[in-house]
Amino acid sequence: MEHHYVRVVAIESHCTDIRFLRYTAHQQLNEKACMSASTPIARSKTAALARILDNVPKGYHRYTCGTVAARKAEALAQKFHTLYGIGCSPAQRLIRKGKGLANVVLVMYWPVDAEKVEWLLLATDGKGLETETLRDVGDKQRLKWLGYELVRHTNRAKVMWTWRRTKEEMTELHALIAMQANQHDTAAISETLELIARQPGFRGVRTQSWALCEAALQRGYDGPLPHLYFVQKTNHGERLALA
């Protein structure tokens, strides 16, 4: 009986070891999956612009941008990861910061079926990007990207960032509404205001949209006004795995 008991204990111990090994392997796989490098791909302008707004207040104030053919976009992202660690985890970014290296994020506007991809690198202070020509988002010459410009505003004594239409686009929209009002084309003005309301609802854009609605009213427009949507917390996009 004693031999049988020892054998049972040995079998149970062996099973426990197997379960422990399986559990450890599973944990390691999960940790490896969590640590795998990746960067988001924005399919909409709102997602791409929101990624910039989310990172600038964290110290990512230097930038450079460009365009690449869609077929080469993944290779470019991989190159930026190899050079600058765009897919690093938060822990890895702390290590880089401790070494005096800049941390970098990549923003990619890559609509489905697009032939060209717009990209923008944002970097913190630090070494490692000496070969890049970087500008600062706080410069007098504002960051303009995807048809919008990045501006600062103050909210309850706190400096914040938002996007707004460029001066050139606003001039064109005011001129369009004026022309349609002179033609007494209520339907055309209504359509124009609806298109304006569908543009990304960042604070600066919404303020401009309301100014355009007021301009239409002042010129005699008596049709319905569109609802101006706020940008909610936005997912930055599906993840592109990096080696």
Protein backbone atom coordinates (compact mmCIF):
# COMPACT_ATOMS: atom_id res chain seq x y z
CA MET A 1 0.00 0.00 0.00
CA GLU A 2 2.85 2.37 0.83
CA HIS A 3 4.37 1.80 -2.62
CA HIS A 4 0.98 2.52 -4.20
CA TYR A 5 0.67 5.71 -2.17
CA VAL A 6 4.12 6.88 -3.22
CA ARG A 7 3.28 6.11 -6.84
CA VAL A 8 0.02 8.10 -6.64
CA VAL A 9 1.82 11.04 -5.06
CA ALA A 10 4.48 10.87 -7.76
CA ILE A 11 1.83 10.86 -10.50
CA GLU A 12 0.00 13.78 -8.91
CA SER A 13 3.26 15.68 -8.55
CA HIS A 14 4.10 15.00 -12.19
CA CYS A 15 0.67 16.26 -13.29
CA THR A 16 1.10 19.38 -11.16
CA ASP A 17 4.47 20.03 -12.80
CA ILE A 18 2.92 19.69 -16.26
CA ARG A 19 0.11 22.07 -15.36
CA PHE A 20 2.64 24.54 -13.95
CA LEU A 21 4.75 24.32 -17.12
CA ARG A 22 1.67 24.82 -19.28
CA TYR A 23 0.59 27.79 -17.16
CA THR A 24 4.09 29.33 -17.33
CA ALA A 25 4.26 28.86 -21.11
CA HIS A 26 0.80 30.41 -21.49
CA GLN A 27 1.83 33.40 -19.37
CA GLN A 28 5.01 33.85 -21.38
CA LEU A 29 3.05 33.79 -24.63
CA ASN A 30 0.63 36.36 -23.28
CA GLU A 31 3.48 38.59 -22.11
CA LYS A 32 5.21 38.24 -25.46
CA ALA A 33 1.98 39.18 -27.26
CA CYS A 34 1.55 42.23 -25.03
CA MET A 35 5.15 43.27 -25.62
CA SER A 36 5.05 42.84 -29.40
CA ALA A 37 5.74 46.10 -31.18
CA SER A 38 3.00 47.74 -33.23
CA THR A 39 1.73 51.10 -34.44
CA PRO A 40 -1.85 52.15 -35.27
CA ILE A 41 -3.10 52.85 -38.80
CA ALA A 42 -5.76 55.58 -38.97
CA ARG A 43 -8.40 54.95 -41.64
CA SER A 44 -10.12 58.29 -41.00
CA LYS A 45 -8.87 61.86 -40.71
CA THR A 46 -10.50 62.14 -37.30
CA ALA A 47 -8.49 59.19 -35.93
CA ALA A 48 -5.23 60.51 -37.40
CA LEU A 49 -5.74 64.05 -36.11
CA ALA A 50 -6.88 62.79 -32.69
CA ARG A 51 -3.67 60.77 -32.32
CA ILE A 52 -1.67 63.97 -32.70
CA LEU A 53 -3.84 65.83 -30.18
CA ASP A 54 -3.42 62.97 -27.70
CA ASN A 55 0.39 62.95 -27.96
CA VAL A 56 1.39 66.62 -28.22
CA PRO A 57 0.47 67.36 -24.55
CA LYS A 58 2.69 64.41 -23.53
CA GLY A 59 5.78 66.15 -24.83
CA TYR A 60 5.76 64.99 -28.45
CA HIS A 61 6.23 68.49 -29.86
CA ARG A 62 8.75 68.02 -32.70
CA TYR A 63 7.53 66.75 -36.04
CA THR A 64 8.22 65.92 -39.66
CA CYS A 65 5.84 64.53 -42.25
CA GLY A 66 5.57 63.19 -45.77
CA THR A 67 3.76 60.91 -48.20
CA VAL A 68 4.53 57.36 -49.26
CA ALA A 69 3.01 54.92 -51.73
CA ALA A 70 0.64 52.51 -49.98
CA ARG A 71 2.66 49.50 -51.15
CA LYS A 72 5.71 50.90 -49.30
CA ALA A 73 3.95 52.12 -46.16
CA GLU A 74 4.55 49.01 -44.02
CA ALA A 75 8.25 49.00 -44.93
CA LEU A 76 8.46 52.68 -43.94
CA ALA A 77 6.81 51.98 -40.57
CA GLN A 78 9.27 49.14 -39.97
CA LYS A 79 12.17 51.43 -40.88
CA PHE A 80 10.99 54.07 -38.41
CA HIS A 81 10.67 51.41 -35.71
CA THR A 82 14.20 50.15 -36.36
CA LEU A 83 15.59 53.69 -36.28
CA TYR A 84 13.43 55.37 -33.63
CA GLY A 85 11.41 52.71 -31.80
CA ILE A 86 7.96 53.93 -32.83
CA GLY A 87 6.44 50.67 -31.58
CA CYS A 88 8.09 50.72 -28.15
CA SER A 89 6.07 49.91 -25.04
CA PRO A 90 5.64 52.49 -22.25
CA ALA A 91 8.37 50.74 -20.24
CA GLN A 92 10.75 50.80 -23.18
CA ARG A 93 10.03 54.49 -23.69
CA LEU A 94 11.01 55.18 -20.08
CA ILE A 95 14.31 53.40 -20.69
CA ARG A 96 14.92 55.44 -23.84
CA LYS A 97 14.16 58.65 -21.97
CA GLY A 98 16.60 57.66 -19.23
CA LYS A 99 19.32 57.27 -21.86
CA GLY A 100 18.62 60.73 -23.26
CA LEU A 101 17.01 59.35 -26.43
CA ALA A 102 13.95 60.90 -28.02
CA ASN A 103 10.71 58.93 -28.02
CA VAL A 104 8.82 58.88 -31.29
CA VAL A 105 5.29 58.03 -32.44
CA LEU A 106 4.14 57.53 -36.02
CA VAL A 107 0.78 58.78 -37.26
CA MET A 108 -0.41 57.21 -40.52
CA TYR A 109 -3.51 58.31 -42.43
CA TRP A 110 -4.18 55.28 -44.62
CA PRO A 111 -7.74 55.09 -45.96
CA VAL A 112 -8.87 51.74 -47.34
CA ASP A 113 -7.85 51.33 -51.01
CA ALA A 114 -5.76 54.53 -50.91
CA GLU A 115 -2.76 54.63 -53.24
CA LYS A 116 -0.93 57.17 -51.08
CA VAL A 117 -0.41 57.23 -47.31
CA GLU A 118 0.14 60.45 -45.37
CA TRP A 119 2.51 60.02 -42.42
CA LEU A 120 3.73 62.23 -39.59
CA LEU A 121 6.41 61.58 -36.96
CA LEU A 122 6.08 63.20 -33.54
CA ALA A 123 9.10 63.24 -31.23
CA THR A 124 9.96 64.31 -27.70
CA ASP A 125 13.17 66.08 -26.74
CA GLY A 126 16.23 63.85 -26.89
CA LYS A 127 18.93 62.45 -29.12
CA GLY A 128 18.62 60.12 -32.08
CA LEU A 129 16.84 62.14 -34.77
CA GLU A 130 19.71 64.28 -35.95
CA THR A 131 19.22 63.14 -39.56
CA GLU A 132 15.59 64.36 -39.59
CA THR A 133 14.54 67.95 -40.27
CA LEU A 134 12.17 68.63 -37.40
CA ARG A 135 9.87 71.55 -36.67
CA ASP A 136 8.13 72.45 -33.44
CA VAL A 137 4.33 72.48 -33.12
CA GLY A 138 4.66 75.72 -31.14
CA ASP A 139 6.42 77.59 -33.95
CA LYS A 140 4.80 80.64 -35.52
CA GLN A 141 4.47 78.60 -38.71
CA ARG A 142 1.77 76.24 -37.48
CA LEU A 143 1.59 72.52 -38.17
CA LYS A 144 -0.79 72.03 -41.09
CA TRP A 145 -1.80 68.48 -41.93
CA LEU A 146 -4.68 66.84 -43.81
CA GLY A 147 -6.20 70.25 -44.50
CA TYR A 148 -6.25 71.45 -40.87
CA GLU A 149 -3.92 73.48 -38.68
CA LEU A 150 -2.95 72.83 -35.07
CA VAL A 151 -3.56 75.72 -32.66
CA ARG A 152 -3.42 76.36 -28.94
CA HIS A 153 -6.32 77.65 -26.88
CA THR A 154 -6.84 78.33 -23.18
CA ASN A 155 -9.54 76.59 -21.18
CA ARG A 156 -9.84 77.62 -17.51
CA ALA A 157 -6.22 78.86 -17.52
CA LYS A 158 -5.05 75.56 -18.97
CA VAL A 159 -3.31 75.55 -22.36
CA MET A 160 -4.83 72.98 -24.72
CA TRP A 161 -4.54 72.07 -28.38
CA THR A 162 -7.15 71.74 -31.12
CA TRP A 163 -7.53 71.60 -34.88
CA ARG A 164 -9.20 74.18 -37.08
CA ARG A 165 -9.67 74.82 -40.79
CA THR A 166 -7.03 76.90 -42.52
CA LYS A 167 -7.67 80.58 -43.19
CA GLU A 168 -7.76 79.86 -46.93
CA GLU A 169 -10.49 77.24 -46.57
CA MET A 170 -12.59 79.47 -44.33
CA THR A 171 -12.35 82.29 -46.88
CA GLU A 172 -13.57 79.93 -49.60
CA LEU A 173 -16.47 78.66 -47.48
CA HIS A 174 -17.62 82.16 -46.58
CA ALA A 175 -17.48 83.11 -50.27
CA LEU A 176 -19.48 80.01 -51.24
CA ILE A 177 -22.22 80.73 -48.69
CA ALA A 178 -22.36 84.39 -49.80
CA MET A 179 -22.77 83.35 -53.44
CA GLN A 180 -25.51 80.85 -52.62
CA ALA A 181 -27.29 83.45 -50.46
CA ASN A 182 -27.17 85.99 -53.29
CA GLN A 183 -28.80 83.38 -55.50
CA HIS A 184 -31.45 82.73 -52.79
CA ASP A 185 -30.57 79.04 -53.07
CA THR A 186 -31.73 77.73 -49.69
CA ALA A 187 -31.24 74.10 -50.69
CA ALA A 188 -27.63 74.73 -51.71
CA ILE A 189 -26.84 76.54 -48.45
CA SER A 190 -28.41 73.71 -46.46
CA GLU A 191 -26.26 71.17 -48.32
CA THR A 192 -23.13 73.26 -47.75
CA LEU A 193 -23.81 73.55 -44.02
CA GLU A 194 -24.39 69.79 -43.78
CA LEU A 195 -21.03 69.12 -45.45
CA ILE A 196 -19.38 71.57 -43.06
CA ALA A 197 -20.96 69.81 -40.08
CA ARG A 198 -19.57 66.43 -41.20
CA GLN A 199 -15.97 67.61 -40.90
CA PRO A 200 -14.06 66.42 -37.78
CA GLY A 201 -15.72 67.99 -34.75
CA PHE A 202 -12.69 69.25 -32.88
CA ARG A 203 -13.21 72.38 -30.78
CA GLY A 204 -11.60 74.73 -33.30
CA VAL A 205 -13.48 73.24 -36.24
CA ARG A 206 -16.83 73.41 -34.40
CA THR A 207 -16.26 77.09 -33.54
CA GLN A 208 -15.62 77.82 -37.22
CA SER A 209 -18.63 75.75 -38.28
CA TRP A 210 -20.92 77.78 -36.03
CA ALA A 211 -19.44 81.00 -37.44
CA LEU A 212 -20.36 79.77 -40.94
CA CYS A 213 -23.89 78.95 -39.78
CA GLU A 214 -24.23 82.45 -38.34
CA ALA A 215 -22.96 83.94 -41.61
CA ALA A 216 -25.68 82.05 -43.47
CA LEU A 217 -28.35 83.31 -41.06
CA GLN A 218 -27.12 86.90 -41.42
CA ARG A 219 -27.50 86.60 -45.18
CA GLY A 220 -31.14 85.59 -44.89
CA TYR A 221 -30.93 81.81 -44.72
CA ASP A 222 -34.03 80.49 -42.94
CA GLY A 223 -33.53 76.76 -43.38
CA PRO A 224 -32.54 74.14 -40.78
CA LEU A 225 -29.12 74.27 -39.13
CA PRO A 226 -27.09 71.05 -38.87
CA HIS A 227 -26.06 69.45 -35.59
CA LEU A 228 -22.38 70.13 -34.83
CA TYR A 229 -20.88 66.97 -33.39
CA PHE A 230 -18.15 66.75 -30.77
CA VAL A 231 -15.23 64.38 -31.33
CA GLN A 232 -15.54 61.65 -28.73
CA LYS A 233 -12.61 59.59 -27.44
CA THR A 234 -11.30 58.12 -30.69
CA ASN A 235 -9.51 54.84 -31.36
CA HIS A 236 -6.26 55.60 -33.18
CA GLY A 237 -6.76 52.70 -35.59
CA GLU A 238 -6.04 49.04 -36.18
CA ARG A 239 -2.58 47.85 -35.17
CA LEU A 240 0.21 47.19 -37.65
CA ALA A 241 2.65 44.62 -36.24
CA LEU A 242 6.34 45.55 -36.30
CA ALA A 243 9.31 43.21 -36.04
